[in-house]
Amino acid sequence: MTQSFAPNVMPEFRIKLFGTRDGMKVYLVDGFKIRNTIDLDFTDGASHLESKPVPDNEIWIDQDAQGDREYKLTLADVIGTRSGLMSGLPLDKAWKLGAKIEGALRQKQFPSQWLKGGKIDVKQLGFAQGTPVYLVDGMATRNRYDVDFVEGGNSEVYPWMKNALGDPSVAIDNSVFPHERPYIGLHELFESRGMRQEGTQYNQAHRQANRVELAARHDPQFLATALKRLGWEGDPRALGQ
C-alpha cells in the first residue's frame, strides 16, 4: 500500500485587507508568526523586494503598529523603499529614502513633536547586569527621536537613547504585543553586550542576537536560560508587561 503525505501548509499570515496601493493589495499581517517562521527581520512592514516571502503583488504591514495612523505612515515608508529598490538603489539607501518619506509625513502630522526630543512615556521593566530595560511609547519615540525605531533598541545602536534613557539602556517599543516583548528584550540585551563589552561591530552583533532570539522563540526554557546568563533579574515574563 502506498502512503501519500500532504505537503506542509504555510501558515496564514494575512489578517485583513487594509487597502490597495499602486495596484498592490496591502494586508495587515501577524508579524509575530512571520518572525517565528519565515523572516526574523520582518519588522513593521515590507514588500517582496525587502522580504522575499511577501508576494510580489502585495505589501504586508505588521498589525502590532499603533493604529491606522501608524499603518499609513509605515505604508508610506514601504512604498518609498520599494520605489528606491526598483530604481536601482542598494537596500541601505532605499531604506533611507523610505524613512525620509515617512519622516516628512510625521513632520506634517506632528509638527510640535518632530525631532524635538523631550519626554516620552516610559516604564522600567527591570535590570540585566545594571542595564535598565524600559517599555517606551513607540509612536512618540519615532516622532521625537528616530523614525527608524521599531520593536526595540539599545544605546549602543541608538545614540539618542544615552540622553533620553541613560547609558547603557535597552528599550522595547510598546507597539509590540506583550507576548513578543521578552524576545525583543533578549535580542537587544545580547546585541548591546556584544557591542559594549566585546567590541563586536553592529552587523555581526545583530546576526548573533538573531540566532539567540530565534532559538528562544522556539524554546521557552532557552529564553529563561539566555536571559539569566545576561544577568536578567527576575522572571522573563516581566519583559512582557
Protein backbone atom coordinates (compact mmCIF):
# COMPACT_ATOMS: atom_id res chain seq x y z
CA MET A 1 0.00 0.00 0.00
CA THR A 2 1.37 3.39 -0.95
CA GLN A 3 1.09 6.17 1.57
CA SER A 4 0.65 9.74 0.46
CA PHE A 5 1.52 12.74 2.55
CA ALA A 6 0.07 16.21 2.20
CA PRO A 7 2.71 18.91 1.84
CA ASN A 8 3.37 21.17 4.79
CA VAL A 9 0.95 24.07 4.64
CA MET A 10 2.42 27.53 5.02
CA PRO A 11 0.78 29.33 7.95
CA GLU A 12 -1.64 32.07 7.00
CA PHE A 13 -0.10 35.39 7.92
CA ARG A 14 -2.69 37.77 6.49
CA ILE A 15 -5.26 39.12 8.95
CA LYS A 16 -7.28 41.52 6.84
CA LEU A 17 -7.08 43.67 3.74
CA PHE A 18 -6.08 47.22 4.68
CA GLY A 19 -6.43 48.70 1.19
CA THR A 20 -4.73 48.89 -2.18
CA ARG A 21 -1.80 50.97 -3.36
CA ASP A 22 -0.23 51.19 -6.82
CA GLY A 23 -2.13 48.09 -7.90
CA MET A 24 -0.96 46.06 -4.90
CA LYS A 25 -3.03 44.70 -2.05
CA VAL A 26 -1.98 45.94 1.38
CA TYR A 27 -2.58 43.45 4.19
CA LEU A 28 -2.30 43.70 7.94
CA VAL A 29 -0.39 40.59 8.95
CA ASP A 30 0.65 38.62 12.02
CA GLY A 31 4.23 39.83 12.38
CA PHE A 32 4.84 37.59 15.39
CA LYS A 33 4.05 34.49 13.33
CA ILE A 34 6.18 35.74 10.43
CA ARG A 35 9.19 36.33 12.69
CA ASN A 36 8.75 32.90 14.25
CA THR A 37 8.65 31.05 10.94
CA ILE A 38 9.93 32.71 7.78
CA ASP A 39 11.64 36.07 8.37
CA LEU A 40 13.00 37.12 11.75
CA ASP A 41 13.98 40.53 10.36
CA PHE A 42 10.44 41.38 9.26
CA THR A 43 9.61 44.45 11.36
CA ASP A 44 6.84 46.95 10.72
CA GLY A 45 6.22 46.28 7.04
CA ALA A 46 7.73 45.18 3.74
CA SER A 47 7.22 44.48 0.07
CA HIS A 48 8.57 41.49 -1.85
CA LEU A 49 11.71 43.45 -2.69
CA GLU A 50 12.61 43.66 1.01
CA SER A 51 11.21 40.37 2.28
CA LYS A 52 11.04 37.51 -0.22
CA PRO A 53 8.12 35.69 1.48
CA VAL A 54 5.85 38.67 0.69
CA PRO A 55 4.11 38.05 -2.68
CA ASP A 56 5.27 40.48 -5.35
CA ASN A 57 1.80 41.99 -5.74
CA GLU A 58 1.29 42.63 -2.02
CA ILE A 59 2.54 44.79 0.83
CA TRP A 60 2.45 43.49 4.39
CA ILE A 61 2.06 45.74 7.43
CA ASP A 62 2.51 44.32 10.92
CA GLN A 63 -0.75 44.51 12.86
CA ASP A 64 1.05 45.50 16.07
CA ALA A 65 1.56 49.12 14.96
CA GLN A 66 -0.41 51.68 16.96
CA GLY A 67 -3.50 52.07 14.81
CA ASP A 68 -4.44 53.31 11.35
CA ARG A 69 -2.28 56.41 11.54
CA GLU A 70 0.88 54.36 12.10
CA TYR A 71 -0.21 51.82 9.47
CA LYS A 72 -0.40 54.62 6.90
CA LEU A 73 2.99 56.03 7.90
CA THR A 74 4.55 52.58 7.66
CA LEU A 75 2.95 52.07 4.28
CA ALA A 76 4.47 55.31 3.00
CA ASP A 77 7.88 54.11 4.18
CA VAL A 78 7.48 50.73 2.47
CA ILE A 79 6.31 52.36 -0.77
CA GLY A 80 9.31 54.71 -0.68
CA THR A 81 11.72 51.87 -0.02
CA ARG A 82 10.21 49.80 -2.81
CA SER A 83 10.47 52.74 -5.22
CA GLY A 84 14.14 53.15 -4.34
CA LEU A 85 14.86 49.47 -4.89
CA MET A 86 13.04 49.49 -8.22
CA SER A 87 15.18 52.43 -9.34
CA GLY A 88 18.35 50.50 -8.56
CA LEU A 89 19.28 51.83 -5.13
CA PRO A 90 21.02 49.39 -2.76
CA LEU A 91 18.89 48.30 0.18
CA ASP A 92 20.51 50.57 2.76
CA LYS A 93 19.92 53.68 0.62
CA ALA A 94 16.40 52.55 -0.28
CA TRP A 95 15.65 52.24 3.45
CA LYS A 96 16.88 55.80 3.96
CA LEU A 97 14.60 57.01 1.17
CA GLY A 98 11.61 55.29 2.75
CA ALA A 99 12.48 56.74 6.16
CA LYS A 100 12.83 60.22 4.63
CA ILE A 101 9.34 59.99 3.13
CA GLU A 102 7.86 58.71 6.39
CA GLY A 103 9.70 61.43 8.31
CA ALA A 104 8.30 64.18 6.07
CA LEU A 105 4.77 62.92 6.76
CA ARG A 106 5.41 62.74 10.51
CA GLN A 107 6.73 66.29 10.45
CA LYS A 108 3.47 67.48 8.86
CA GLN A 109 1.25 65.47 11.18
CA PHE A 110 3.18 66.05 14.43
CA PRO A 111 4.91 69.43 14.00
CA SER A 112 5.13 70.10 17.73
CA GLN A 113 6.93 66.78 18.33
CA TRP A 114 9.02 66.19 15.22
CA LEU A 115 12.62 65.52 16.32
CA LYS A 116 12.16 67.81 19.32
CA GLY A 117 13.39 65.24 21.83
CA GLY A 118 11.92 65.62 25.25
CA LYS A 119 9.75 63.37 27.35
CA ILE A 120 8.40 60.03 26.16
CA ASP A 121 6.29 57.76 28.31
CA VAL A 122 8.45 55.00 29.76
CA LYS A 123 8.03 52.14 32.19
CA GLN A 124 11.03 50.42 33.74
CA LEU A 125 10.71 46.65 33.41
CA GLY A 126 13.88 45.57 35.20
CA PHE A 127 17.67 45.27 35.02
CA ALA A 128 20.26 42.97 33.44
CA GLN A 129 23.75 43.43 34.91
CA GLY A 130 22.99 47.04 35.66
CA THR A 131 21.42 47.78 32.27
CA PRO A 132 17.87 49.05 32.72
CA VAL A 133 15.21 47.82 30.31
CA TYR A 134 12.33 50.17 29.54
CA LEU A 135 9.00 49.92 27.78
CA VAL A 136 8.65 53.11 25.72
CA ASP A 137 5.95 54.82 23.70
CA GLY A 138 6.98 53.74 20.21
CA MET A 139 4.93 56.27 18.31
CA ALA A 140 6.23 59.21 20.37
CA THR A 141 9.78 57.87 20.06
CA ARG A 142 9.53 57.77 16.27
CA ASN A 143 8.16 61.31 16.27
CA ARG A 144 10.54 62.85 18.77
CA TYR A 145 13.79 60.96 18.24
CA ASP A 146 14.13 58.44 15.43
CA VAL A 147 11.74 57.38 12.67
CA ASP A 148 13.66 54.09 12.37
CA PHE A 149 12.97 52.98 15.96
CA VAL A 150 10.85 49.82 15.57
CA GLU A 151 10.37 46.90 18.01
CA GLY A 152 13.25 47.87 20.27
CA GLY A 153 16.77 49.19 20.56
CA ASN A 154 19.77 49.73 22.76
CA SER A 155 22.07 52.67 23.49
CA GLU A 156 24.98 51.15 21.57
CA VAL A 157 22.95 51.34 18.34
CA TYR A 158 20.82 54.44 19.01
CA PRO A 159 22.97 57.28 20.42
CA TRP A 160 19.90 59.37 21.31
CA MET A 161 18.99 56.76 23.92
CA LYS A 162 22.01 57.72 26.02
CA ASN A 163 20.45 61.11 26.75
CA ALA A 164 16.80 60.07 26.69
CA LEU A 165 17.09 56.91 28.81
CA GLY A 166 20.68 56.61 30.04
CA ASP A 167 23.85 54.77 29.10
CA PRO A 168 23.61 51.83 28.93
CA SER A 169 19.93 51.22 28.31
CA VAL A 170 17.56 48.99 26.39
CA ALA A 171 14.13 49.99 25.11
CA ILE A 172 11.19 47.89 23.95
CA ASP A 173 8.56 49.50 21.73
CA ASN A 174 5.13 49.32 23.36
CA SER A 175 3.65 48.74 19.89
CA VAL A 176 4.96 45.18 20.22
CA PHE A 177 2.36 42.87 21.69
CA PRO A 178 3.21 41.74 25.26
CA HIS A 179 3.77 38.08 24.35
CA GLU A 180 6.59 39.06 21.96
CA ARG A 181 8.36 41.62 24.14
CA PRO A 182 10.62 39.12 26.02
CA TYR A 183 12.22 38.04 22.72
CA ILE A 184 12.86 41.65 21.71
CA GLY A 185 14.37 42.34 25.13
CA LEU A 186 16.63 39.31 24.83
CA HIS A 187 17.80 40.39 21.37
CA GLU A 188 18.63 43.92 22.49
CA LEU A 189 20.40 42.84 25.68
CA PHE A 190 22.51 40.29 23.80
CA GLU A 191 23.34 42.73 21.00
CA SER A 192 24.19 45.52 23.45
CA ARG A 193 26.51 43.32 25.49
CA GLY A 194 28.37 42.15 22.39
CA MET A 195 28.94 45.69 21.19
CA ARG A 196 29.67 47.24 24.57
CA GLN A 197 31.73 44.58 26.32
CA GLU A 198 33.27 42.65 23.43
CA GLY A 199 33.66 45.37 20.81
CA THR A 200 31.58 43.49 18.24
CA GLN A 201 30.52 45.56 15.25
CA TYR A 202 26.79 46.07 14.81
CA ASN A 203 26.19 43.80 11.80
CA GLN A 204 27.87 40.84 13.48
CA ALA A 205 26.26 41.58 16.84
CA HIS A 206 22.85 41.74 15.15
CA ARG A 207 23.36 38.39 13.42
CA GLN A 208 24.43 36.77 16.68
CA ALA A 209 21.47 38.27 18.52
CA ASN A 210 19.16 36.98 15.78
CA ARG A 211 20.40 33.43 16.30
CA VAL A 212 19.83 33.65 20.05
CA GLU A 213 16.42 35.26 19.59
CA LEU A 214 15.26 32.64 17.08
CA ALA A 215 16.31 29.80 19.38
CA ALA A 216 14.39 31.42 22.25
CA ARG A 217 11.26 31.81 20.13
CA HIS A 218 11.15 28.03 19.76
CA ASP A 219 12.22 27.07 23.29
CA PRO A 220 10.81 28.89 26.34
CA GLN A 221 13.41 27.27 28.58
CA PHE A 222 16.19 28.62 26.38
CA LEU A 223 14.66 32.09 26.72
CA ALA A 224 14.85 31.90 30.50
CA THR A 225 18.39 30.48 30.44
CA ALA A 226 19.69 33.05 27.98
CA LEU A 227 18.21 35.96 29.93
CA LYS A 228 19.70 34.61 33.16
CA ARG A 229 23.15 34.43 31.55
CA LEU A 230 22.76 38.05 30.54
CA GLY A 231 22.08 38.93 34.16
CA TRP A 232 18.33 39.47 33.91
CA GLU A 233 16.98 39.84 37.42
CA GLY A 234 13.61 38.17 37.77
CA ASP A 235 11.02 36.34 35.73
CA PRO A 236 11.32 36.63 31.90
CA ARG A 237 7.59 37.35 31.84
CA ALA A 238 8.33 40.73 33.43
CA LEU A 239 9.56 41.83 29.99
CA GLY A 240 6.07 41.24 28.65
CA GLN A 241 4.35 43.68 30.96
